[in-house]
Amino acid sequence: MNKTKAKPSTGEGWAVHVYDSDRYLRFTLEPSHIWAFGWGIGVGLLTAIVWSALHSASHSFSTNTDPTTNLLPNWETNSRENLTSEPAGVIPLGID
């Protein structure tokens, strides 16, 4: 009989094991980790692009062009309504 030799498998994969100075295993990096990281980066970038496009599209169709009506309330207008309010950006630390 003619026997054929099986070729050794070269597609076994890979893994990176990282050890500390005391030879304790700190973490293992496998191909699935790289794929998950890549998918996370891709989905994050796609989400940021879509969010930015929707945000800019919602502000570009603004019909009100009067600059005096587009102002947001600031600390001066709020202080007239509530005398105990502080300017925006001031963080009360409670230090006496």
C-alpha atoms as a PDB file:
ATOM      1  CA  MET A   1       0.000   0.000   0.000  1.00  0.00           C
ATOM      2  CA  ASN A   2       1.029   3.507  -0.693  1.00  0.00           C
ATOM      3  CA  LYS A   3       0.863   5.597   2.483  1.00  0.00           C
ATOM      4  CA  THR A   4       0.610   9.358   2.239  1.00  0.00           C
ATOM      5  CA  LYS A   5       2.083  11.519   4.923  1.00  0.00           C
ATOM      6  CA  ALA A   6      -0.182  14.047   6.527  1.00  0.00           C
ATOM      7  CA  LYS A   7       1.177  17.544   6.329  1.00  0.00           C
ATOM      8  CA  PRO A   8       1.596  19.251   9.675  1.00  0.00           C
ATOM      9  CA  SER A   9      -0.907  21.997  10.285  1.00  0.00           C
ATOM     10  CA  THR A  10       0.642  25.456  10.051  1.00  0.00           C
ATOM     11  CA  GLY A  11      -2.579  27.337  10.775  1.00  0.00           C
ATOM     12  CA  GLU A  12      -2.537  26.695  14.494  1.00  0.00           C
ATOM     13  CA  GLY A  13      -2.693  30.369  15.385  1.00  0.00           C
ATOM     14  CA  TRP A  14      -0.607  32.372  17.761  1.00  0.00           C
ATOM     15  CA  ALA A  15      -0.679  33.842  21.228  1.00  0.00           C
ATOM     16  CA  VAL A  16       1.552  36.277  23.072  1.00  0.00           C
ATOM     17  CA  HIS A  17       2.060  35.624  26.779  1.00  0.00           C
ATOM     18  CA  VAL A  18       3.393  38.497  28.874  1.00  0.00           C
ATOM     19  CA  TYR A  19       5.076  37.694  32.172  1.00  0.00           C
ATOM     20  CA  ASP A  20       6.362  39.965  34.917  1.00  0.00           C
ATOM     21  CA  SER A  21       9.809  39.756  36.515  1.00  0.00           C
ATOM     22  CA  ASP A  22       8.617  37.064  38.962  1.00  0.00           C
ATOM     23  CA  ARG A  23       7.494  34.892  36.050  1.00  0.00           C
ATOM     24  CA  TYR A  24       3.791  35.351  36.728  1.00  0.00           C
ATOM     25  CA  LEU A  25       1.549  35.505  33.708  1.00  0.00           C
ATOM     26  CA  ARG A  26       0.180  39.042  33.388  1.00  0.00           C
ATOM     27  CA  PHE A  27      -1.928  38.720  30.237  1.00  0.00           C
ATOM     28  CA  THR A  28      -2.295  36.783  27.039  1.00  0.00           C
ATOM     29  CA  LEU A  29      -2.870  38.386  23.672  1.00  0.00           C
ATOM     30  CA  GLU A  30      -4.648  36.202  21.126  1.00  0.00           C
ATOM     31  CA  PRO A  31      -5.990  36.839  17.608  1.00  0.00           C
ATOM     32  CA  SER A  32      -9.542  37.183  18.905  1.00  0.00           C
ATOM     33  CA  HIS A  33      -8.402  40.089  21.095  1.00  0.00           C
ATOM     34  CA  ILE A  34      -6.978  41.869  18.070  1.00  0.00           C
ATOM     35  CA  TRP A  35     -10.203  41.322  16.117  1.00  0.00           C
ATOM     36  CA  ALA A  36     -12.323  42.624  19.006  1.00  0.00           C
ATOM     37  CA  PHE A  37     -10.070  45.674  19.379  1.00  0.00           C
ATOM     38  CA  GLY A  38     -10.266  46.340  15.629  1.00  0.00           C
ATOM     39  CA  TRP A  39     -14.044  46.048  15.607  1.00  0.00           C
ATOM     40  CA  GLY A  40     -14.255  48.386  18.595  1.00  0.00           C
ATOM     41  CA  ILE A  41     -12.091  50.993  16.870  1.00  0.00           C
ATOM     42  CA  GLY A  42     -14.140  50.685  13.669  1.00  0.00           C
ATOM     43  CA  VAL A  43     -17.506  50.954  15.406  1.00  0.00           C
ATOM     44  CA  GLY A  44     -16.240  53.879  17.497  1.00  0.00           C
ATOM     45  CA  LEU A  45     -15.039  55.776  14.439  1.00  0.00           C
ATOM     46  CA  LEU A  46     -18.262  55.056  12.575  1.00  0.00           C
ATOM     47  CA  THR A  47     -20.317  56.254  15.551  1.00  0.00           C
ATOM     48  CA  ALA A  48     -18.248  59.446  15.820  1.00  0.00           C
ATOM     49  CA  ILE A  49     -18.634  60.187  12.099  1.00  0.00           C
ATOM     50  CA  VAL A  50     -22.394  59.583  12.109  1.00  0.00           C
ATOM     51  CA  TRP A  51     -22.849  61.589  15.326  1.00  0.00           C
ATOM     52  CA  SER A  52     -20.836  64.479  13.881  1.00  0.00           C
ATOM     53  CA  ALA A  53     -22.759  64.407  10.600  1.00  0.00           C
ATOM     54  CA  LEU A  54     -26.119  64.392  12.378  1.00  0.00           C
ATOM     55  CA  HIS A  55     -25.024  67.159  14.739  1.00  0.00           C
ATOM     56  CA  SER A  56     -23.782  69.415  11.928  1.00  0.00           C
ATOM     57  CA  ALA A  57     -26.862  68.678   9.822  1.00  0.00           C
ATOM     58  CA  SER A  58     -29.204  69.646  12.658  1.00  0.00           C
ATOM     59  CA  HIS A  59     -27.394  72.969  13.159  1.00  0.00           C
ATOM     60  CA  SER A  60     -27.053  73.838   9.474  1.00  0.00           C
ATOM     61  CA  PHE A  61     -30.833  73.924   8.943  1.00  0.00           C
ATOM     62  CA  SER A  62     -31.398  76.574  11.590  1.00  0.00           C
ATOM     63  CA  THR A  63     -33.965  79.081  10.245  1.00  0.00           C
ATOM     64  CA  ASN A  64     -33.391  81.689  12.927  1.00  0.00           C
ATOM     65  CA  THR A  65     -30.584  84.000  11.760  1.00  0.00           C
ATOM     66  CA  ASP A  66     -31.107  86.776  14.324  1.00  0.00           C
ATOM     67  CA  PRO A  67     -27.977  86.592  16.502  1.00  0.00           C
ATOM     68  CA  THR A  68     -29.643  88.181  19.532  1.00  0.00           C
ATOM     69  CA  THR A  69     -32.221  85.392  19.857  1.00  0.00           C
ATOM     70  CA  ASN A  70     -29.679  82.564  19.537  1.00  0.00           C
ATOM     71  CA  LEU A  71     -27.851  83.515  22.748  1.00  0.00           C
ATOM     72  CA  LEU A  72     -27.866  81.023  25.559  1.00  0.00           C
ATOM     73  CA  PRO A  73     -28.444  82.250  29.096  1.00  0.00           C
ATOM     74  CA  ASN A  74     -25.225  83.141  30.833  1.00  0.00           C
ATOM     75  CA  TRP A  75     -24.339  83.853  34.420  1.00  0.00           C
ATOM     76  CA  GLU A  76     -25.470  87.478  34.170  1.00  0.00           C
ATOM     77  CA  THR A  77     -28.995  86.633  33.032  1.00  0.00           C
ATOM     78  CA  ASN A  78     -29.224  83.816  35.551  1.00  0.00           C
ATOM     79  CA  SER A  79     -28.058  86.026  38.415  1.00  0.00           C
ATOM     80  CA  ARG A  80     -31.001  88.348  37.852  1.00  0.00           C
ATOM     81  CA  GLU A  81     -33.358  85.442  38.349  1.00  0.00           C
ATOM     82  CA  ASN A  82     -31.476  83.767  41.172  1.00  0.00           C
ATOM     83  CA  LEU A  83     -29.148  85.907  43.250  1.00  0.00           C
ATOM     84  CA  THR A  84     -27.227  82.924  44.637  1.00  0.00           C
ATOM     85  CA  SER A  85     -26.062  81.555  41.270  1.00  0.00           C
ATOM     86  CA  GLU A  86     -22.414  81.719  40.307  1.00  0.00           C
ATOM     87  CA  PRO A  87     -20.881  82.305  36.884  1.00  0.00           C
ATOM     88  CA  ALA A  88     -20.680  79.349  34.553  1.00  0.00           C
ATOM     89  CA  GLY A  89     -17.359  77.562  34.866  1.00  0.00           C
ATOM     90  CA  VAL A  90     -16.912  78.311  38.575  1.00  0.00           C
ATOM     91  CA  ILE A  91     -16.671  75.129  40.596  1.00  0.00           C
ATOM     92  CA  PRO A  92     -17.568  75.491  44.259  1.00  0.00           C
ATOM     93  CA  LEU A  93     -14.895  73.683  46.239  1.00  0.00           C
ATOM     94  CA  GLY A  94     -16.196  74.439  49.723  1.00  0.00           C
ATOM     95  CA  ILE A  95     -12.846  75.810  50.879  1.00  0.00           C
ATOM     96  CA  ASP A  96     -13.199  78.603  53.446  1.00  0.00           C
END
